[in-house]
C-alpha atoms as a PDB file:
ATOM      1  CA  MET A   1      77.050  18.640 -21.964  1.00  0.00           C
ATOM      2  CA  ARG A   2      75.823  15.793 -24.150  1.00  0.00           C
ATOM      3  CA  ASN A   3      72.779  15.968 -26.372  1.00  0.00           C
ATOM      4  CA  ILE A   4      70.557  12.969 -25.754  1.00  0.00           C
ATOM      5  CA  VAL A   5      68.738  11.922 -28.875  1.00  0.00           C
ATOM      6  CA  ALA A   6      65.970   9.329 -28.770  1.00  0.00           C
ATOM      7  CA  SER A   7      66.243   6.462 -31.180  1.00  0.00           C
ATOM      8  CA  PRO A   8      63.563   6.095 -33.871  1.00  0.00           C
ATOM      9  CA  LEU A   9      61.950   3.302 -31.824  1.00  0.00           C
ATOM     10  CA  GLU A  10      61.787   5.379 -28.641  1.00  0.00           C
ATOM     11  CA  ARG A  11      60.001   8.382 -30.185  1.00  0.00           C
ATOM     12  CA  PRO A  12      56.632   6.669 -30.885  1.00  0.00           C
ATOM     13  CA  VAL A  13      56.662   5.131 -27.405  1.00  0.00           C
ATOM     14  CA  ALA A  14      57.221   8.563 -25.841  1.00  0.00           C
ATOM     15  CA  VAL A  15      54.437  10.126 -27.924  1.00  0.00           C
ATOM     16  CA  LEU A  16      52.000   7.305 -27.115  1.00  0.00           C
ATOM     17  CA  SER A  17      52.899   7.506 -23.417  1.00  0.00           C
ATOM     18  CA  GLY A  18      52.135  11.236 -23.430  1.00  0.00           C
ATOM     19  CA  ILE A  19      48.805  10.691 -25.179  1.00  0.00           C
ATOM     20  CA  LEU A  20      47.872   7.919 -22.724  1.00  0.00           C
ATOM     21  CA  LEU A  21      48.764  10.106 -19.739  1.00  0.00           C
ATOM     22  CA  ALA A  22      46.719  13.040 -21.075  1.00  0.00           C
ATOM     23  CA  THR A  23      43.737  10.752 -21.757  1.00  0.00           C
ATOM     24  CA  LEU A  24      43.871   9.269 -18.258  1.00  0.00           C
ATOM     25  CA  LEU A  25      44.057  12.696 -16.632  1.00  0.00           C
ATOM     26  CA  ALA A  26      41.134  14.043 -18.691  1.00  0.00           C
ATOM     27  CA  SER A  27      38.933  11.003 -18.071  1.00  0.00           C
ATOM     28  CA  GLY A  28      39.753  11.071 -14.353  1.00  0.00           C
ATOM     29  CA  ALA A  29      38.679  14.710 -14.108  1.00  0.00           C
ATOM     30  CA  ALA A  30      35.480  13.991 -16.050  1.00  0.00           C
ATOM     31  CA  LEU A  31      34.721  10.978 -13.847  1.00  0.00           C
ATOM     32  CA  ALA A  32      35.288  13.006 -10.678  1.00  0.00           C
ATOM     33  CA  ALA A  33      32.924  15.739 -11.909  1.00  0.00           C
ATOM     34  CA  ALA A  34      30.262  13.235 -12.979  1.00  0.00           C
ATOM     35  CA  SER A  35      30.392  11.296  -9.712  1.00  0.00           C
ATOM     36  CA  THR A  36      30.102  14.342  -7.433  1.00  0.00           C
ATOM     37  CA  PRO A  37      26.445  14.565  -6.389  1.00  0.00           C
ATOM     38  CA  ALA A  38      24.341  17.698  -6.579  1.00  0.00           C
ATOM     39  CA  SER A  39      24.183  19.603  -3.305  1.00  0.00           C
ATOM     40  CA  ILE A  40      22.396  22.572  -1.776  1.00  0.00           C
ATOM     41  CA  ILE A  41      22.707  24.665   1.366  1.00  0.00           C
ATOM     42  CA  ALA A  42      19.755  26.927   2.189  1.00  0.00           C
ATOM     43  CA  ARG A  43      19.188  28.904   5.398  1.00  0.00           C
ATOM     44  CA  ASN A  44      16.129  30.387   7.109  1.00  0.00           C
ATOM     45  CA  GLN A  45      15.653  33.925   5.810  1.00  0.00           C
ATOM     46  CA  LYS A  46      13.448  36.922   5.177  1.00  0.00           C
ATOM     47  CA  LEU A  47      12.221  37.608   1.663  1.00  0.00           C
ATOM     48  CA  LYS A  48      13.991  40.331  -0.303  1.00  0.00           C
ATOM     49  CA  ASN A  49      11.725  41.717  -3.037  1.00  0.00           C
ATOM     50  CA  ASP A  50       9.786  38.413  -3.169  1.00  0.00           C
ATOM     51  CA  ALA A  51      13.035  36.456  -3.651  1.00  0.00           C
ATOM     52  CA  VAL A  52      15.086  34.042  -1.543  1.00  0.00           C
ATOM     53  CA  SER A  53      18.840  33.536  -1.615  1.00  0.00           C
ATOM     54  CA  ILE A  54      20.253  30.008  -1.685  1.00  0.00           C
ATOM     55  CA  THR A  55      23.586  29.998   0.123  1.00  0.00           C
ATOM     56  CA  TYR A  56      25.245  27.304  -2.022  1.00  0.00           C
ATOM     57  CA  ALA A  57      24.336  25.008  -4.914  1.00  0.00           C
ATOM     58  CA  TYR A  58      26.482  22.540  -6.822  1.00  0.00           C
ATOM     59  CA  LEU A  59      25.243  21.048 -10.087  1.00  0.00           C
ATOM     60  CA  PRO A  60      27.288  18.253 -11.712  1.00  0.00           C
ATOM     61  CA  LYS A  61      25.722  19.201 -15.061  1.00  0.00           C
ATOM     62  CA  ASP A  62      23.604  22.068 -16.405  1.00  0.00           C
ATOM     63  CA  GLY A  63      20.133  22.229 -14.875  1.00  0.00           C
ATOM     64  CA  SER A  64      17.969  24.385 -12.675  1.00  0.00           C
ATOM     65  CA  LEU A  65      17.334  25.214  -9.040  1.00  0.00           C
ATOM     66  CA  GLY A  66      13.668  25.145  -8.044  1.00  0.00           C
ATOM     67  CA  ILE A  67      12.040  26.379  -4.831  1.00  0.00           C
ATOM     68  CA  TYR A  68       8.954  24.463  -3.662  1.00  0.00           C
ATOM     69  CA  SER A  69       6.611  24.954  -0.729  1.00  0.00           C
ATOM     70  CA  VAL A  70       6.412  22.161   1.864  1.00  0.00           C
ATOM     71  CA  ASN A  71       3.148  21.336   3.679  1.00  0.00           C
ATOM     72  CA  ALA A  72       2.774  20.506   7.404  1.00  0.00           C
ATOM     73  CA  SER A  73       3.311  16.784   6.766  1.00  0.00           C
ATOM     74  CA  GLY A  74       6.577  17.466   4.907  1.00  0.00           C
ATOM     75  CA  LYS A  75       5.279  16.836   1.382  1.00  0.00           C
ATOM     76  CA  MET A  76       6.692  19.094  -1.316  1.00  0.00           C
ATOM     77  CA  SER A  77       4.268  20.859  -3.706  1.00  0.00           C
ATOM     78  CA  SER A  78       4.127  19.640  -7.303  1.00  0.00           C
ATOM     79  CA  SER A  79       4.923  23.002  -8.924  1.00  0.00           C
ATOM     80  CA  PRO A  80       7.721  25.399  -8.012  1.00  0.00           C
ATOM     81  CA  LEU A  81       7.236  28.869  -6.588  1.00  0.00           C
ATOM     82  CA  GLY A  82      10.358  29.914  -8.497  1.00  0.00           C
ATOM     83  CA  LYS A  83      13.109  28.483 -10.635  1.00  0.00           C
ATOM     84  CA  VAL A  84      16.430  29.627 -12.062  1.00  0.00           C
ATOM     85  CA  SER A  85      18.622  27.948 -14.710  1.00  0.00           C
ATOM     86  CA  LEU A  86      22.231  27.264 -13.714  1.00  0.00           C
ATOM     87  CA  LYS A  87      25.309  25.971 -15.490  1.00  0.00           C
ATOM     88  CA  ALA A  88      27.235  23.029 -14.051  1.00  0.00           C
ATOM     89  CA  GLY A  89      29.511  23.924 -11.145  1.00  0.00           C
ATOM     90  CA  ASP A  90      29.515  25.827  -7.853  1.00  0.00           C
ATOM     91  CA  HIS A  91      27.101  28.686  -7.239  1.00  0.00           C
ATOM     92  CA  ARG A  92      26.868  30.942  -4.188  1.00  0.00           C
ATOM     93  CA  ASP A  93      24.088  33.267  -3.043  1.00  0.00           C
ATOM     94  CA  VAL A  94      21.699  32.334  -5.854  1.00  0.00           C
ATOM     95  CA  SER A  95      18.649  34.627  -5.889  1.00  0.00           C
ATOM     96  CA  VAL A  96      15.350  32.997  -6.872  1.00  0.00           C
ATOM     97  CA  SER A  97      12.184  35.095  -7.339  1.00  0.00           C
ATOM     98  CA  LEU A  98       9.039  33.457  -5.934  1.00  0.00           C
ATOM     99  CA  LYS A  99       5.424  33.757  -7.141  1.00  0.00           C
ATOM    100  CA  PRO A 100       3.273  33.765  -5.152  1.00  0.00           C
ATOM    101  CA  ALA A 101       5.446  35.079  -2.346  1.00  0.00           C
ATOM    102  CA  PRO A 102       5.390  32.712   0.653  1.00  0.00           C
ATOM    103  CA  LYS A 103       4.155  33.885   4.038  1.00  0.00           C
ATOM    104  CA  GLN A 104       6.206  34.238   7.192  1.00  0.00           C
ATOM    105  CA  GLY A 105       6.755  30.829   8.820  1.00  0.00           C
ATOM    106  CA  GLU A 106       6.232  28.891   5.575  1.00  0.00           C
ATOM    107  CA  ARG A 107       8.688  26.057   4.919  1.00  0.00           C
ATOM    108  CA  LEU A 108      10.363  25.791   1.521  1.00  0.00           C
ATOM    109  CA  GLU A 109      12.627  23.280  -0.151  1.00  0.00           C
ATOM    110  CA  ALA A 110      15.358  23.980  -2.710  1.00  0.00           C
ATOM    111  CA  VAL A 111      15.791  21.265  -5.348  1.00  0.00           C
ATOM    112  CA  VAL A 112      18.344  20.739  -8.134  1.00  0.00           C
ATOM    113  CA  GLU A 113      16.648  19.605 -11.345  1.00  0.00           C
ATOM    114  CA  HIS A 114      17.916  18.158 -14.620  1.00  0.00           C
ATOM    115  CA  SER A 115      15.602  18.044 -17.636  1.00  0.00           C
ATOM    116  CA  GLY A 116      12.711  19.163 -15.422  1.00  0.00           C
ATOM    117  CA  GLN A 117      13.116  16.256 -12.985  1.00  0.00           C
ATOM    118  CA  PRO A 118      14.343  16.617  -9.380  1.00  0.00           C
ATOM    119  CA  VAL A 119      17.746  15.094  -8.645  1.00  0.00           C
ATOM    120  CA  ARG A 120      17.206  12.622  -5.820  1.00  0.00           C
ATOM    121  CA  ASN A 121      20.595  13.009  -4.146  1.00  0.00           C
ATOM    122  CA  SER A 122      20.752  16.794  -3.910  1.00  0.00           C
ATOM    123  CA  GLY A 123      22.229  16.898  -0.426  1.00  0.00           C
ATOM    124  CA  ASP A 124      20.778  16.335   3.019  1.00  0.00           C
ATOM    125  CA  LEU A 125      17.127  17.261   3.469  1.00  0.00           C
ATOM    126  CA  PRO A 126      17.849  19.588   6.435  1.00  0.00           C
ATOM    127  CA  GLU A 127      20.256  21.576   4.258  1.00  0.00           C
ATOM    128  CA  ARG A 128      17.695  21.921   1.464  1.00  0.00           C
ATOM    129  CA  THR A 129      14.728  22.998   3.593  1.00  0.00           C
ATOM    130  CA  PHE A 130      14.332  26.416   5.153  1.00  0.00           C
ATOM    131  CA  LYS A 131      11.754  28.775   6.662  1.00  0.00           C
ATOM    132  CA  ILE A 132      10.668  32.244   5.715  1.00  0.00           C
ATOM    133  CA  LEU A 133      11.287  34.504   8.732  1.00  0.00           C
END
């Protein structure tokens, strides 16, 4: 078996190629994470100890998940009934305590927020809204 030895000119090219490949892979992963929109899945449910459970939430960066009441015309209230801070990433069965506790039949909306502002593209509206049973 022969030992293959790179020439002095080939070594820097190999090192730079490795660095370039690692940089491209890291920036591609960061770009994919940054371009994935926030999303929420909430289902109709009964309260459990004045809390609701959000089935699924994805946050592209650290933020919070707020629960707001929705009036008969579909307008969301200006202040949340409850809020929980979440790190970036996937979250399942997120419990959010609500004050005051909503009544049976009341519609609620789950919203991903960053820096206290709602994220506009946090999934389809039907997946974010739910009723208290």
